[in-house]
């Protein structure tokens, strides 16, 4: 149970980081 929860947390955090990186890239491209 603990291992599964940790894997889910890591996956969710990775998804959030990827989405944030994509948003930042789009904003930087638009600004330039």
PDB file of N, CA and C in Angstrom:
ATOM      1  N   UNK A   1       0.847  -1.205   0.000  1.00  0.00           N
ATOM      2  CA  UNK A   1       0.000   0.000   0.000  1.00  0.00           C
ATOM      3  C   UNK A   1       0.883   1.255   0.000  1.00  0.00           C
ATOM      4  N   UNK A   2       1.852   1.289   0.914  1.00  0.00           N
ATOM      5  CA  UNK A   2       2.727   2.462   0.979  1.00  0.00           C
ATOM      6  C   UNK A   2       3.482   2.639  -0.334  1.00  0.00           C
ATOM      7  N   UNK A   3       4.003   1.530  -0.873  1.00  0.00           N
ATOM      8  CA  UNK A   3       4.761   1.629  -2.128  1.00  0.00           C
ATOM      9  C   UNK A   3       3.869   2.170  -3.249  1.00  0.00           C
ATOM     10  N   UNK A   4       2.638   1.662  -3.340  1.00  0.00           N
ATOM     11  CA  UNK A   4       1.726   2.125  -4.392  1.00  0.00           C
ATOM     12  C   UNK A   4       1.440   3.611  -4.211  1.00  0.00           C
ATOM     13  N   UNK A   5       1.198   4.034  -2.971  1.00  0.00           N
ATOM     14  CA  UNK A   5       0.887   5.452  -2.726  1.00  0.00           C
ATOM     15  C   UNK A   5       2.076   6.323  -3.130  1.00  0.00           C
ATOM     16  N   UNK A   6       3.290   5.875  -2.795  1.00  0.00           N
ATOM     17  CA  UNK A   6       4.483   6.662  -3.151  1.00  0.00           C
ATOM     18  C   UNK A   6       4.603   6.751  -4.668  1.00  0.00           C
ATOM     19  N   UNK A   7       4.364   5.631  -5.367  1.00  0.00           N
ATOM     20  CA  UNK A   7       4.454   5.657  -6.841  1.00  0.00           C
ATOM     21  C   UNK A   7       3.421   6.635  -7.410  1.00  0.00           C
ATOM     22  N   UNK A   8       2.217   6.620  -6.860  1.00  0.00           N
ATOM     23  CA  UNK A   8       1.173   7.531  -7.356  1.00  0.00           C
ATOM     24  C   UNK A   8       1.585   8.989  -7.123  1.00  0.00           C
ATOM     25  N   UNK A   9       2.135   9.265  -5.934  1.00  0.00           N
ATOM     26  CA  UNK A   9       2.570  10.642  -5.623  1.00  0.00           C
ATOM     27  C   UNK A   9       3.656  11.072  -6.588  1.00  0.00           C
ATOM     28  N   UNK A  10       4.627  10.192  -6.857  1.00  0.00           N
ATOM     29  CA  UNK A  10       5.728  10.533  -7.767  1.00  0.00           C
ATOM     30  C   UNK A  10       5.181  10.787  -9.172  1.00  0.00           C
ATOM     31  N   UNK A  11       4.256   9.920  -9.625  1.00  0.00           N
ATOM     32  CA  UNK A  11       3.695  10.075 -10.975  1.00  0.00           C
ATOM     33  C   UNK A  11       2.908  11.389 -11.062  1.00  0.00           C
ATOM     34  N   UNK A  12       2.077  11.664 -10.044  1.00  0.00           N
ATOM     35  CA  UNK A  12       1.280  12.901 -10.061  1.00  0.00           C
ATOM     36  C   UNK A  12       2.193  14.114 -10.069  1.00  0.00           C
ATOM     37  N   UNK A  13       3.240  14.089  -9.227  1.00  0.00           N
ATOM     38  CA  UNK A  13       4.167  15.243  -9.181  1.00  0.00           C
ATOM     39  C   UNK A  13       4.845  15.408 -10.535  1.00  0.00           C
ATOM     40  N   UNK A  14       5.230  14.295 -11.173  1.00  0.00           N
ATOM     41  CA  UNK A  14       5.882  14.377 -12.487  1.00  0.00           C
ATOM     42  C   UNK A  14       4.940  14.977 -13.519  1.00  0.00           C
ATOM     43  N   UNK A  15       3.665  14.589 -13.477  1.00  0.00           N
ATOM     44  CA  UNK A  15       2.703  15.132 -14.434  1.00  0.00           C
ATOM     45  C   UNK A  15       2.556  16.637 -14.240  1.00  0.00           C
ATOM     46  N   UNK A  16       2.476  17.070 -12.976  1.00  0.00           N
ATOM     47  CA  UNK A  16       2.323  18.509 -12.687  1.00  0.00           C
ATOM     48  C   UNK A  16       3.544  19.267 -13.190  1.00  0.00           C
ATOM     49  N   UNK A  17       4.738  18.712 -12.950  1.00  0.00           N
ATOM     50  CA  UNK A  17       5.970  19.384 -13.391  1.00  0.00           C
ATOM     51  C   UNK A  17       5.980  19.500 -14.915  1.00  0.00           C
ATOM     52  N   UNK A  18       5.576  18.432 -15.608  1.00  0.00           N
ATOM     53  CA  UNK A  18       5.569  18.469 -17.079  1.00  0.00           C
ATOM     54  C   UNK A  18       4.582  19.537 -17.570  1.00  0.00           C
ATOM     55  N   UNK A  19       3.396  19.569 -16.990  1.00  0.00           N
ATOM     56  CA  UNK A  19       2.402  20.565 -17.401  1.00  0.00           C
ATOM     57  C   UNK A  19       2.934  21.971 -17.153  1.00  0.00           C
ATOM     58  N   UNK A  20       3.570  22.189 -15.981  1.00  0.00           N
ATOM     59  CA  UNK A  20       4.118  23.510 -15.655  1.00  0.00           C
ATOM     60  C   UNK A  20       5.196  23.888 -16.656  1.00  0.00           C
ATOM     61  N   UNK A  21       6.062  22.935 -17.009  1.00  0.00           N
ATOM     62  CA  UNK A  21       7.144  23.212 -17.971  1.00  0.00           C
ATOM     63  C   UNK A  21       6.540  23.590 -19.331  1.00  0.00           C
ATOM     64  N   UNK A  22       5.503  22.879 -19.768  1.00  0.00           N
ATOM     65  CA  UNK A  22       4.873  23.183 -21.062  1.00  0.00           C
ATOM     66  C   UNK A  22       4.266  24.587 -21.035  1.00  0.00           C
ATOM     67  N   UNK A  23       3.587  24.922 -19.931  1.00  0.00           N
ATOM     68  CA  UNK A  23       2.977  26.265 -19.828  1.00  0.00           C
ATOM     69  C   UNK A  23       4.066  27.330 -19.883  1.00  0.00           C
ATOM     70  N   UNK A  24       5.158  27.125 -19.171  1.00  0.00           N
ATOM     71  CA  UNK A  24       6.244  28.114 -19.153  1.00  0.00           C
ATOM     72  C   UNK A  24       6.828  28.261 -20.552  1.00  0.00           C
ATOM     73  N   UNK A  25       7.014  27.136 -21.247  1.00  0.00           N
ATOM     74  CA  UNK A  25       7.578  27.202 -22.604  1.00  0.00           C
ATOM     75  C   UNK A  25       6.652  28.000 -23.514  1.00  0.00           C
ATOM     76  N   UNK A  26       5.350  27.742 -23.458  1.00  0.00           N
ATOM     77  CA  UNK A  26       4.397  28.468 -24.306  1.00  0.00           C
ATOM     78  C   UNK A  26       4.435  29.957 -23.973  1.00  0.00           C
ATOM     79  N   UNK A  27       4.472  30.289 -22.688  1.00  0.00           N
ATOM     80  CA  UNK A  27       4.498  31.703 -22.290  1.00  0.00           C
ATOM     81  C   UNK A  27       5.774  32.366 -22.798  1.00  0.00           C
ATOM     82  N   UNK A  28       6.919  31.668 -22.657  1.00  0.00           N
ATOM     83  CA  UNK A  28       8.193  32.253 -23.096  1.00  0.00           C
ATOM     84  C   UNK A  28       8.162  32.483 -24.614  1.00  0.00           C
ATOM     85  N   UNK A  29       7.610  31.527 -25.360  1.00  0.00           N
ATOM     86  CA  UNK A  29       7.545  31.670 -26.823  1.00  0.00           C
ATOM     87  C   UNK A  29       6.648  32.852 -27.176  1.00  0.00           C
ATOM     88  N   UNK A  30       5.525  32.973 -26.493  1.00  0.00           N
ATOM     89  CA  UNK A  30       4.592  34.068 -26.793  1.00  0.00           C
ATOM     90  C   UNK A  30       5.245  35.409 -26.441  1.00  0.00           C
ATOM     91  N   UNK A  31       5.930  35.466 -25.294  1.00  0.00           N
ATOM     92  CA  UNK A  31       6.550  36.737 -24.883  1.00  0.00           C
ATOM     93  C   UNK A  31       7.573  37.172 -25.933  1.00  0.00           C
ATOM     94  N   UNK A  32       8.366  36.220 -26.431  1.00  0.00           N
ATOM     95  CA  UNK A  32       9.366  36.556 -27.442  1.00  0.00           C
ATOM     96  C   UNK A  32       8.682  36.670 -28.807  1.00  0.00           C
TER      97      UNK A  32
END
